[in-house]
Amino acid sequence: MDIIDTIKDQIENNSILLYMKGSPNQPQCGFSARTVQALMACGERFAYVDILSNPEIRANLPKYANWPTFPQLWVDGELVGGCDIVTEMFETGELQTLIKDTASAQAAE
């Protein structure tokens, strides 16, 4: 499986997926830390990929996503955005709705 297939597989098989630097318990940059805080405050489980320990994903995901920076939040196979977008969505309540609806739909399957 090539790296693009791996990325596609990760996105398809995780309804809420965060590509980040580090892990939710130990983020390795401030942007990843803020994004994780917003996601965790939504109260639902999410998957993550540490791009620091996956250099091929780190190198290829920006091309695949057409999004140059990390973190990247993917929900239901769609790129939501990075730290600024996720933080703004959290502040307006949009993120909570999106995450809860996605988690509910996944639980119903």
C-alpha atoms as a PDB file:
ATOM      1  CA  MET A   1       0.000   0.000   0.000  1.00  0.00           C
ATOM      2  CA  ASP A   2       1.503   3.334  -0.943  1.00  0.00           C
ATOM      3  CA  ILE A   3       1.361   6.346   1.349  1.00  0.00           C
ATOM      4  CA  ILE A   4      -1.565   8.020  -0.450  1.00  0.00           C
ATOM      5  CA  ASP A   5      -3.595   4.803  -0.071  1.00  0.00           C
ATOM      6  CA  THR A   6      -2.660   4.741   3.619  1.00  0.00           C
ATOM      7  CA  ILE A   7      -3.859   8.337   4.051  1.00  0.00           C
ATOM      8  CA  LYS A   8      -7.110   7.614   2.188  1.00  0.00           C
ATOM      9  CA  ASP A   9      -7.648   4.514   4.334  1.00  0.00           C
ATOM     10  CA  GLN A  10      -7.096   6.461   7.563  1.00  0.00           C
ATOM     11  CA  ILE A  11      -9.529   9.187   6.498  1.00  0.00           C
ATOM     12  CA  GLU A  12     -12.191   6.705   5.332  1.00  0.00           C
ATOM     13  CA  ASN A  13     -11.994   4.510   8.427  1.00  0.00           C
ATOM     14  CA  ASN A  14     -12.010   7.232  11.093  1.00  0.00           C
ATOM     15  CA  SER A  15     -15.024   9.524  11.108  1.00  0.00           C
ATOM     16  CA  ILE A  16     -13.177  12.048  13.316  1.00  0.00           C
ATOM     17  CA  LEU A  17      -9.449  12.146  12.597  1.00  0.00           C
ATOM     18  CA  LEU A  18      -6.793  14.643  13.612  1.00  0.00           C
ATOM     19  CA  TYR A  19      -3.383  14.766  11.956  1.00  0.00           C
ATOM     20  CA  MET A  20      -1.209  16.507  14.525  1.00  0.00           C
ATOM     21  CA  LYS A  21       2.263  16.932  15.940  1.00  0.00           C
ATOM     22  CA  GLY A  22       2.537  14.636  18.939  1.00  0.00           C
ATOM     23  CA  SER A  23      -0.399  12.974  20.686  1.00  0.00           C
ATOM     24  CA  PRO A  24      -3.497  14.354  22.408  1.00  0.00           C
ATOM     25  CA  ASN A  25      -1.820  13.764  25.784  1.00  0.00           C
ATOM     26  CA  GLN A  26       1.484  15.260  24.643  1.00  0.00           C
ATOM     27  CA  PRO A  27       1.021  17.697  21.762  1.00  0.00           C
ATOM     28  CA  GLN A  28       4.323  18.843  20.298  1.00  0.00           C
ATOM     29  CA  CYS A  29       3.228  22.282  19.132  1.00  0.00           C
ATOM     30  CA  GLY A  30       0.876  25.004  20.315  1.00  0.00           C
ATOM     31  CA  PHE A  31      -1.435  24.743  17.306  1.00  0.00           C
ATOM     32  CA  SER A  32      -1.908  21.003  17.860  1.00  0.00           C
ATOM     33  CA  ALA A  33      -2.460  21.635  21.586  1.00  0.00           C
ATOM     34  CA  ARG A  34      -5.211  24.224  20.942  1.00  0.00           C
ATOM     35  CA  THR A  35      -6.909  22.001  18.383  1.00  0.00           C
ATOM     36  CA  VAL A  36      -6.859  19.007  20.754  1.00  0.00           C
ATOM     37  CA  GLN A  37      -8.308  21.140  23.578  1.00  0.00           C
ATOM     38  CA  ALA A  38     -11.235  22.181  21.364  1.00  0.00           C
ATOM     39  CA  LEU A  39     -11.827  18.595  20.198  1.00  0.00           C
ATOM     40  CA  MET A  40     -11.600  17.121  23.702  1.00  0.00           C
ATOM     41  CA  ALA A  41     -14.063  19.736  24.986  1.00  0.00           C
ATOM     42  CA  CYS A  42     -16.603  18.293  22.535  1.00  0.00           C
ATOM     43  CA  GLY A  43     -16.588  15.113  24.627  1.00  0.00           C
ATOM     44  CA  GLU A  44     -16.364  12.552  21.829  1.00  0.00           C
ATOM     45  CA  ARG A  45     -13.672  10.048  20.897  1.00  0.00           C
ATOM     46  CA  PHE A  46     -11.461  10.845  17.927  1.00  0.00           C
ATOM     47  CA  ALA A  47      -8.550   9.194  16.169  1.00  0.00           C
ATOM     48  CA  TYR A  48      -5.217  10.884  15.620  1.00  0.00           C
ATOM     49  CA  VAL A  49      -2.039  10.385  13.641  1.00  0.00           C
ATOM     50  CA  ASP A  50       1.251  11.776  14.951  1.00  0.00           C
ATOM     51  CA  ILE A  51       2.894  13.200  11.844  1.00  0.00           C
ATOM     52  CA  LEU A  52       6.230  13.564  13.659  1.00  0.00           C
ATOM     53  CA  SER A  53       6.524   9.781  13.915  1.00  0.00           C
ATOM     54  CA  ASN A  54       5.109   9.333  10.388  1.00  0.00           C
ATOM     55  CA  PRO A  55       7.395  11.418   8.137  1.00  0.00           C
ATOM     56  CA  GLU A  56       5.883  10.010   4.916  1.00  0.00           C
ATOM     57  CA  ILE A  57       2.417  11.156   5.965  1.00  0.00           C
ATOM     58  CA  ARG A  58       3.853  14.507   7.029  1.00  0.00           C
ATOM     59  CA  ALA A  59       5.416  14.931   3.594  1.00  0.00           C
ATOM     60  CA  ASN A  60       2.455  13.728   1.508  1.00  0.00           C
ATOM     61  CA  LEU A  61      -0.719  14.758   3.343  1.00  0.00           C
ATOM     62  CA  PRO A  62      -0.395  18.483   2.476  1.00  0.00           C
ATOM     63  CA  LYS A  63      -0.361  17.568  -1.225  1.00  0.00           C
ATOM     64  CA  TYR A  64      -3.271  15.157  -0.866  1.00  0.00           C
ATOM     65  CA  ALA A  65      -5.347  17.586   1.207  1.00  0.00           C
ATOM     66  CA  ASN A  66      -4.274  20.710  -0.658  1.00  0.00           C
ATOM     67  CA  TRP A  67      -3.702  22.176   2.816  1.00  0.00           C
ATOM     68  CA  PRO A  68      -0.105  23.088   3.707  1.00  0.00           C
ATOM     69  CA  THR A  69      -0.112  23.108   7.501  1.00  0.00           C
ATOM     70  CA  PHE A  70      -0.745  20.919  10.536  1.00  0.00           C
ATOM     71  CA  PRO A  71      -2.841  20.098  12.455  1.00  0.00           C
ATOM     72  CA  GLN A  72      -5.559  18.967  10.070  1.00  0.00           C
ATOM     73  CA  LEU A  73      -8.985  17.888  11.282  1.00  0.00           C
ATOM     74  CA  TRP A  74     -10.958  15.526   9.043  1.00  0.00           C
ATOM     75  CA  VAL A  75     -14.613  14.733   9.759  1.00  0.00           C
ATOM     76  CA  ASP A  76     -16.599  12.250   7.685  1.00  0.00           C
ATOM     77  CA  GLY A  77     -13.894  12.181   5.034  1.00  0.00           C
ATOM     78  CA  GLU A  78     -13.852  15.959   4.607  1.00  0.00           C
ATOM     79  CA  LEU A  79     -11.081  18.333   5.624  1.00  0.00           C
ATOM     80  CA  VAL A  80     -12.494  20.762   8.191  1.00  0.00           C
ATOM     81  CA  GLY A  81      -9.297  22.783   8.537  1.00  0.00           C
ATOM     82  CA  GLY A  82      -6.490  23.650  10.895  1.00  0.00           C
ATOM     83  CA  CYS A  83      -6.129  25.250  14.287  1.00  0.00           C
ATOM     84  CA  ASP A  84      -7.645  28.653  13.488  1.00  0.00           C
ATOM     85  CA  ILE A  85     -10.725  27.200  11.799  1.00  0.00           C
ATOM     86  CA  VAL A  86     -11.271  24.556  14.498  1.00  0.00           C
ATOM     87  CA  THR A  87     -10.850  27.125  17.290  1.00  0.00           C
ATOM     88  CA  GLU A  88     -13.243  29.542  15.608  1.00  0.00           C
ATOM     89  CA  MET A  89     -15.802  26.776  15.047  1.00  0.00           C
ATOM     90  CA  PHE A  90     -15.496  25.792  18.720  1.00  0.00           C
ATOM     91  CA  GLU A  91     -16.101  29.370  19.864  1.00  0.00           C
ATOM     92  CA  THR A  92     -19.293  29.607  17.768  1.00  0.00           C
ATOM     93  CA  GLY A  93     -20.541  26.164  18.839  1.00  0.00           C
ATOM     94  CA  GLU A  94     -20.295  24.824  15.290  1.00  0.00           C
ATOM     95  CA  LEU A  95     -17.567  22.310  16.146  1.00  0.00           C
ATOM     96  CA  GLN A  96     -19.533  20.762  19.022  1.00  0.00           C
ATOM     97  CA  THR A  97     -22.543  20.228  16.748  1.00  0.00           C
ATOM     98  CA  LEU A  98     -20.431  18.737  13.951  1.00  0.00           C
ATOM     99  CA  ILE A  99     -18.536  16.388  16.283  1.00  0.00           C
ATOM    100  CA  LYS A 100     -21.623  15.255  18.226  1.00  0.00           C
ATOM    101  CA  ASP A 101     -23.652  14.662  15.041  1.00  0.00           C
ATOM    102  CA  THR A 102     -20.784  12.681  13.509  1.00  0.00           C
ATOM    103  CA  ALA A 103     -20.269  10.603  16.666  1.00  0.00           C
ATOM    104  CA  SER A 104     -24.042   9.923  16.899  1.00  0.00           C
ATOM    105  CA  ALA A 105     -24.208   8.825  13.265  1.00  0.00           C
ATOM    106  CA  GLN A 106     -21.230   6.547  13.780  1.00  0.00           C
ATOM    107  CA  ALA A 107     -22.774   4.997  16.911  1.00  0.00           C
ATOM    108  CA  ALA A 108     -26.011   4.334  15.011  1.00  0.00           C
ATOM    109  CA  GLU A 109     -24.227   2.324  12.297  1.00  0.00           C
END
